Amino acid sequence: MSDLIEGYLGKTVDGKKSRLPAKLDYLQSATGLFLALFMWAHMILVSSILVSKDFMYQVTKLLEASFIFEGGNPLLVSIAAAVIFVIFITHAALGMRKLPGNFKQYQVMKAHAKNMGHDDTKMWFIQAFTGFAMFFLGSVHLYIIMTNSADIGPYASSDRVWSEWMWPLYILLLLAVEFHGTIGLYRLCVKWGWFDGNNPRETRKSLKKVKWALTVFFLVLGFATLAAYMKIGMEQAAAGKVGERYTPQAKVIQLDTVKKGRIA
């Protein structure tokens, strides 16, 4: 155990420099990259509600593997959420290594950042703050998905957002995720030199522009999506239909046709 603790701090018992911190940095980068790309994919899938309720319903059923299981299997979504949760906690634990250990260290770092006036240092503080917020906000969201995977759809999701008062949490989570994720990807590119080319300084300026463009795009998409779910939730509440589950338009037409056939 002592070897592990010493290695975590960057040295071994015999005084030699440990390779463990470098390995942990690599794991932190890998988990961060995976989570950032996953969140972008997740945002695009969730925004399917902007196309139509039917389209969002079909996307949900596709994720439940309706092409394999009749009507889809929500358990698959619970399993996927559990895997994401493990990766999420792992990334958070690795990120905590680099946070100030006490308030005095925080003050020193803040004063240092202020004196330098360095944009990347300021972004690191934003990333640290949003990461801390995400640890709580993201955990709540993932737990809800793991335990309520059968309640995902145009009406069920909208009820959760509006009638169950989850929209304030989702607003904070959206802000934290988009700032943390895009800053994290920018810092990964800089750290590992993925796009350095012949002029790293100019490349860094270009990466910052791309980073802010992605932040604005996904924030606009996220707030538009959240507004759509809130609108549907309000309409359901006003009509006294909270708890109702969505029926695809094609199925409604089919049922109406069957009913008319019986009457005839």
Protein backbone atom coordinates (compact mmCIF):
# COMPACT_ATOMS: atom_id res chain seq x y z
CA MET A 1 0.00 0.00 0.00
CA SER A 2 2.83 2.41 0.85
CA ASP A 3 4.38 1.77 -2.59
CA LEU A 4 1.11 2.70 -4.24
CA ILE A 5 0.73 5.88 -2.19
CA GLU A 6 4.30 6.96 -2.92
CA GLY A 7 3.82 6.18 -6.60
CA TYR A 8 0.63 8.20 -6.68
CA LEU A 9 2.62 11.16 -5.32
CA GLY A 10 5.30 10.73 -7.98
CA LYS A 11 8.06 8.79 -6.28
CA THR A 12 8.78 5.30 -5.03
CA VAL A 13 10.07 4.21 -1.64
CA ASP A 14 13.68 3.98 -2.92
CA GLY A 15 13.51 7.59 -4.12
CA LYS A 16 13.29 6.89 -7.85
CA LYS A 17 10.83 8.80 -9.97
CA SER A 18 7.63 6.82 -10.48
CA ARG A 19 5.98 6.34 -13.87
CA LEU A 20 2.57 6.05 -12.26
CA PRO A 21 1.69 9.77 -12.45
CA ALA A 22 2.33 9.72 -16.21
CA LYS A 23 0.13 6.64 -16.57
CA LEU A 24 -2.61 8.30 -14.52
CA ASP A 25 -2.34 11.42 -16.71
CA TYR A 26 -2.80 9.25 -19.77
CA LEU A 27 -5.82 7.53 -18.23
CA GLN A 28 -7.30 10.89 -17.24
CA SER A 29 -6.86 12.16 -20.79
CA ALA A 30 -8.38 9.00 -22.30
CA THR A 31 -11.44 9.03 -20.02
CA GLY A 32 -11.89 12.77 -20.55
CA LEU A 33 -11.76 12.40 -24.34
CA PHE A 34 -14.27 9.54 -24.23
CA LEU A 35 -16.68 11.46 -21.98
CA ALA A 36 -16.46 14.65 -24.06
CA LEU A 37 -17.22 12.81 -27.31
CA PHE A 38 -19.98 10.84 -25.59
CA MET A 39 -21.61 14.04 -24.33
CA TRP A 40 -21.62 15.53 -27.82
CA ALA A 41 -23.24 12.38 -29.20
CA HIS A 42 -25.69 12.38 -26.28
CA MET A 43 -26.61 16.00 -26.94
CA ILE A 44 -27.29 15.31 -30.61
CA LEU A 45 -29.46 12.28 -29.78
CA VAL A 46 -31.42 14.16 -27.10
CA SER A 47 -31.97 17.07 -29.49
CA SER A 48 -33.96 14.72 -31.73
CA ILE A 49 -37.01 16.19 -29.98
CA LEU A 50 -36.44 19.33 -32.09
CA VAL A 51 -37.26 17.29 -35.20
CA SER A 52 -40.46 15.71 -33.85
CA LYS A 53 -41.84 13.62 -30.99
CA ASP A 54 -42.01 10.62 -33.32
CA PHE A 55 -38.35 10.99 -34.27
CA MET A 56 -37.26 11.24 -30.63
CA TYR A 57 -39.36 8.15 -29.84
CA GLN A 58 -37.71 6.19 -32.66
CA VAL A 59 -34.23 7.25 -31.50
CA THR A 60 -35.07 6.08 -27.97
CA LYS A 61 -36.27 2.71 -29.21
CA LEU A 62 -33.17 2.36 -31.40
CA LEU A 63 -30.98 2.85 -28.31
CA GLU A 64 -33.06 0.18 -26.58
CA ALA A 65 -32.20 -2.18 -29.45
CA SER A 66 -35.76 -2.47 -30.72
CA PHE A 67 -34.29 -4.10 -33.85
CA ILE A 68 -33.40 -7.06 -31.60
CA PHE A 69 -35.94 -6.95 -28.78
CA GLU A 70 -39.65 -6.48 -29.36
CA GLY A 71 -40.48 -2.94 -28.24
CA GLY A 72 -36.90 -2.38 -27.07
CA ASN A 73 -35.18 -3.26 -23.80
CA PRO A 74 -34.65 -0.28 -21.40
CA LEU A 75 -32.23 -2.41 -19.34
CA LEU A 76 -29.63 -1.81 -22.05
CA VAL A 77 -29.84 1.92 -21.37
CA SER A 78 -29.39 1.28 -17.63
CA ILE A 79 -26.29 -0.82 -18.31
CA ALA A 80 -24.84 1.84 -20.63
CA ALA A 81 -25.51 4.54 -18.01
CA ALA A 82 -23.79 2.42 -15.35
CA VAL A 83 -20.70 2.03 -17.56
CA ILE A 84 -20.62 5.77 -18.23
CA PHE A 85 -21.00 6.40 -14.49
CA VAL A 86 -17.92 4.26 -13.71
CA ILE A 87 -15.87 6.10 -16.34
CA PHE A 88 -17.22 9.42 -15.04
CA ILE A 89 -16.21 8.68 -11.43
CA THR A 90 -12.81 7.40 -12.57
CA HIS A 91 -12.17 10.61 -14.51
CA ALA A 92 -13.31 12.74 -11.57
CA ALA A 93 -11.02 10.89 -9.15
CA LEU A 94 -8.05 11.32 -11.48
CA GLY A 95 -8.84 15.01 -11.95
CA MET A 96 -8.94 15.61 -8.19
CA ARG A 97 -5.20 14.89 -8.02
CA LYS A 98 -4.49 18.27 -9.56
CA LEU A 99 -6.87 20.39 -7.47
CA PRO A 100 -5.48 22.55 -4.62
CA GLY A 101 -5.22 20.52 -1.42
CA ASN A 102 -6.32 23.39 0.83
CA PHE A 103 -7.50 26.99 0.74
CA LYS A 104 -3.96 28.36 1.05
CA GLN A 105 -2.85 26.49 -2.07
CA TYR A 106 -5.94 27.79 -3.87
CA GLN A 107 -5.06 31.39 -2.94
CA VAL A 108 -1.49 30.94 -4.19
CA MET A 109 -2.69 29.50 -7.50
CA LYS A 110 -5.31 32.24 -7.92
CA ALA A 111 -2.77 35.00 -7.22
CA HIS A 112 -0.33 33.37 -9.63
CA ALA A 113 -2.98 33.18 -12.37
CA LYS A 114 -3.98 36.82 -11.80
CA ASN A 115 -0.39 38.06 -12.01
CA MET A 116 0.29 36.08 -15.18
CA GLY A 117 -2.97 37.06 -16.89
CA HIS A 118 -2.71 33.81 -18.85
CA ASP A 119 -5.87 32.69 -20.70
CA ASP A 120 -5.03 28.99 -20.44
CA THR A 121 -4.61 29.29 -16.67
CA LYS A 122 -8.00 31.03 -16.40
CA MET A 123 -9.55 28.25 -18.46
CA TRP A 124 -8.00 25.70 -16.11
CA PHE A 125 -9.81 27.36 -13.18
CA ILE A 126 -13.09 27.29 -15.11
CA GLN A 127 -12.53 23.63 -15.92
CA ALA A 128 -11.75 22.82 -12.28
CA PHE A 129 -14.87 24.65 -11.03
CA THR A 130 -17.19 23.11 -13.63
CA GLY A 131 -15.66 19.68 -13.00
CA PHE A 132 -16.43 20.00 -9.29
CA ALA A 133 -20.03 21.00 -10.09
CA MET A 134 -20.41 18.15 -12.59
CA PHE A 135 -19.37 15.59 -9.98
CA PHE A 136 -22.65 16.26 -8.15
CA LEU A 137 -24.94 17.30 -11.02
CA GLY A 138 -23.78 14.54 -13.36
CA SER A 139 -24.04 11.87 -10.66
CA VAL A 140 -27.69 12.78 -10.03
CA HIS A 141 -28.51 12.71 -13.75
CA LEU A 142 -26.80 9.36 -14.35
CA TYR A 143 -28.47 7.80 -11.30
CA ILE A 144 -31.89 8.90 -12.58
CA ILE A 145 -31.19 7.38 -16.01
CA MET A 146 -29.91 4.12 -14.48
CA THR A 147 -32.98 3.71 -12.28
CA ASN A 148 -35.61 5.10 -14.67
CA SER A 149 -34.44 3.92 -18.09
CA ALA A 150 -37.97 2.81 -18.99
CA ASP A 151 -39.18 6.41 -18.55
CA ILE A 152 -37.38 7.95 -21.50
CA GLY A 153 -39.48 9.36 -24.32
CA PRO A 154 -41.16 12.54 -25.59
CA TYR A 155 -43.70 12.68 -22.74
CA ALA A 156 -41.87 10.84 -19.93
CA SER A 157 -38.68 12.89 -20.36
CA SER A 158 -40.67 16.12 -20.62
CA ASP A 159 -42.57 15.30 -17.43
CA ARG A 160 -39.28 14.72 -15.64
CA VAL A 161 -37.89 18.03 -16.89
CA TRP A 162 -40.96 20.15 -16.08
CA SER A 163 -43.33 18.46 -13.62
CA GLU A 164 -40.54 16.90 -11.54
CA TRP A 165 -38.61 20.18 -11.51
CA MET A 166 -35.42 18.83 -13.03
CA TRP A 167 -34.96 21.78 -15.42
CA PRO A 168 -32.90 23.91 -12.96
CA LEU A 169 -30.47 21.01 -12.51
CA TYR A 170 -30.28 20.47 -16.28
CA ILE A 171 -29.52 24.16 -16.90
CA LEU A 172 -26.58 24.04 -14.48
CA LEU A 173 -25.45 20.67 -15.84
CA LEU A 174 -25.60 21.91 -19.43
CA LEU A 175 -23.44 24.93 -18.62
CA ALA A 176 -20.94 22.85 -16.63
CA VAL A 177 -20.70 20.09 -19.26
CA GLU A 178 -20.21 22.33 -22.27
CA PHE A 179 -17.60 24.59 -20.68
CA HIS A 180 -15.77 21.71 -19.03
CA GLY A 181 -15.85 19.48 -22.09
CA THR A 182 -14.72 21.99 -24.71
CA ILE A 183 -11.98 23.41 -22.47
CA GLY A 184 -10.89 19.86 -21.69
CA LEU A 185 -10.62 18.96 -25.38
CA TYR A 186 -8.66 22.15 -26.07
CA ARG A 187 -6.23 21.37 -23.25
CA LEU A 188 -5.86 17.79 -24.47
CA CYS A 189 -4.88 19.04 -27.94
CA VAL A 190 -2.33 21.42 -26.41
CA LYS A 191 -0.99 18.89 -23.90
CA TRP A 192 -0.40 16.09 -26.39
CA GLY A 193 0.44 18.35 -29.33
CA TRP A 194 -2.11 16.75 -31.64
CA PHE A 195 -2.35 19.70 -34.04
CA ASP A 196 0.86 21.62 -33.33
CA GLY A 197 2.19 21.70 -36.88
CA ASN A 198 5.02 24.13 -37.66
CA ASN A 199 3.66 26.97 -35.53
CA PRO A 200 2.26 25.78 -32.17
CA ARG A 201 1.41 29.32 -31.05
CA GLU A 202 -0.79 30.00 -34.07
CA THR A 203 -2.28 26.53 -33.76
CA ARG A 204 -3.23 27.30 -30.17
CA LYS A 205 -5.02 30.48 -31.27
CA SER A 206 -6.95 28.52 -33.89
CA LEU A 207 -7.84 25.82 -31.37
CA LYS A 208 -9.26 28.47 -29.02
CA LYS A 209 -11.51 29.78 -31.80
CA VAL A 210 -12.73 26.25 -32.53
CA LYS A 211 -13.23 25.64 -28.81
CA TRP A 212 -15.43 28.73 -28.41
CA ALA A 213 -17.38 27.94 -31.60
CA LEU A 214 -18.15 24.44 -30.26
CA THR A 215 -19.10 25.84 -26.85
CA VAL A 216 -21.57 28.31 -28.39
CA PHE A 217 -23.01 25.70 -30.79
CA PHE A 218 -23.68 23.08 -28.13
CA LEU A 219 -25.01 25.62 -25.62
CA VAL A 220 -27.50 26.94 -28.19
CA LEU A 221 -28.46 23.39 -29.16
CA GLY A 222 -28.73 22.37 -25.51
CA PHE A 223 -30.92 25.27 -24.44
CA ALA A 224 -33.16 24.88 -27.51
CA THR A 225 -33.57 21.18 -26.67
CA LEU A 226 -34.29 21.88 -23.00
CA ALA A 227 -36.85 24.53 -23.98
CA ALA A 228 -38.61 21.99 -26.23
CA TYR A 229 -38.90 19.46 -23.40
CA MET A 230 -40.11 22.16 -21.01
CA LYS A 231 -42.78 23.25 -23.50
CA ILE A 232 -44.06 19.69 -23.94
CA GLY A 233 -43.98 19.18 -20.17
CA MET A 234 -45.99 22.36 -19.59
CA GLU A 235 -48.57 21.29 -22.17
CA GLN A 236 -48.87 17.86 -20.56
CA ALA A 237 -49.32 19.40 -17.12
CA ALA A 238 -51.90 21.91 -18.37
CA ALA A 239 -53.89 19.08 -20.01
CA GLY A 240 -53.73 16.94 -16.86
CA LYS A 241 -51.78 14.26 -18.72
CA VAL A 242 -48.69 14.01 -16.53
CA GLY A 243 -47.52 10.39 -16.51
CA GLU A 244 -48.97 9.60 -19.93
CA ARG A 245 -46.66 7.71 -22.30
CA TYR A 246 -46.18 8.70 -25.93
CA THR A 247 -47.74 6.69 -28.74
CA PRO A 248 -46.13 7.09 -32.18
CA GLN A 249 -48.29 8.79 -34.81
CA ALA A 250 -48.12 5.74 -37.12
CA LYS A 251 -49.46 3.55 -34.33
CA VAL A 252 -52.27 6.03 -33.59
CA ILE A 253 -53.33 5.97 -37.25
CA GLN A 254 -53.19 2.17 -37.25
CA LEU A 255 -55.37 1.95 -34.13
CA ASP A 256 -57.86 4.44 -35.59
CA THR A 257 -58.04 2.36 -38.78
CA VAL A 258 -58.70 -0.82 -36.79
CA LYS A 259 -61.43 0.90 -34.75
CA LYS A 260 -63.13 2.25 -37.88
CA GLY A 261 -62.96 -1.20 -39.46
CA ARG A 262 -64.68 -2.73 -36.43
CA ILE A 263 -67.40 -0.09 -36.44
CA ALA A 264 -68.01 -0.61 -40.17
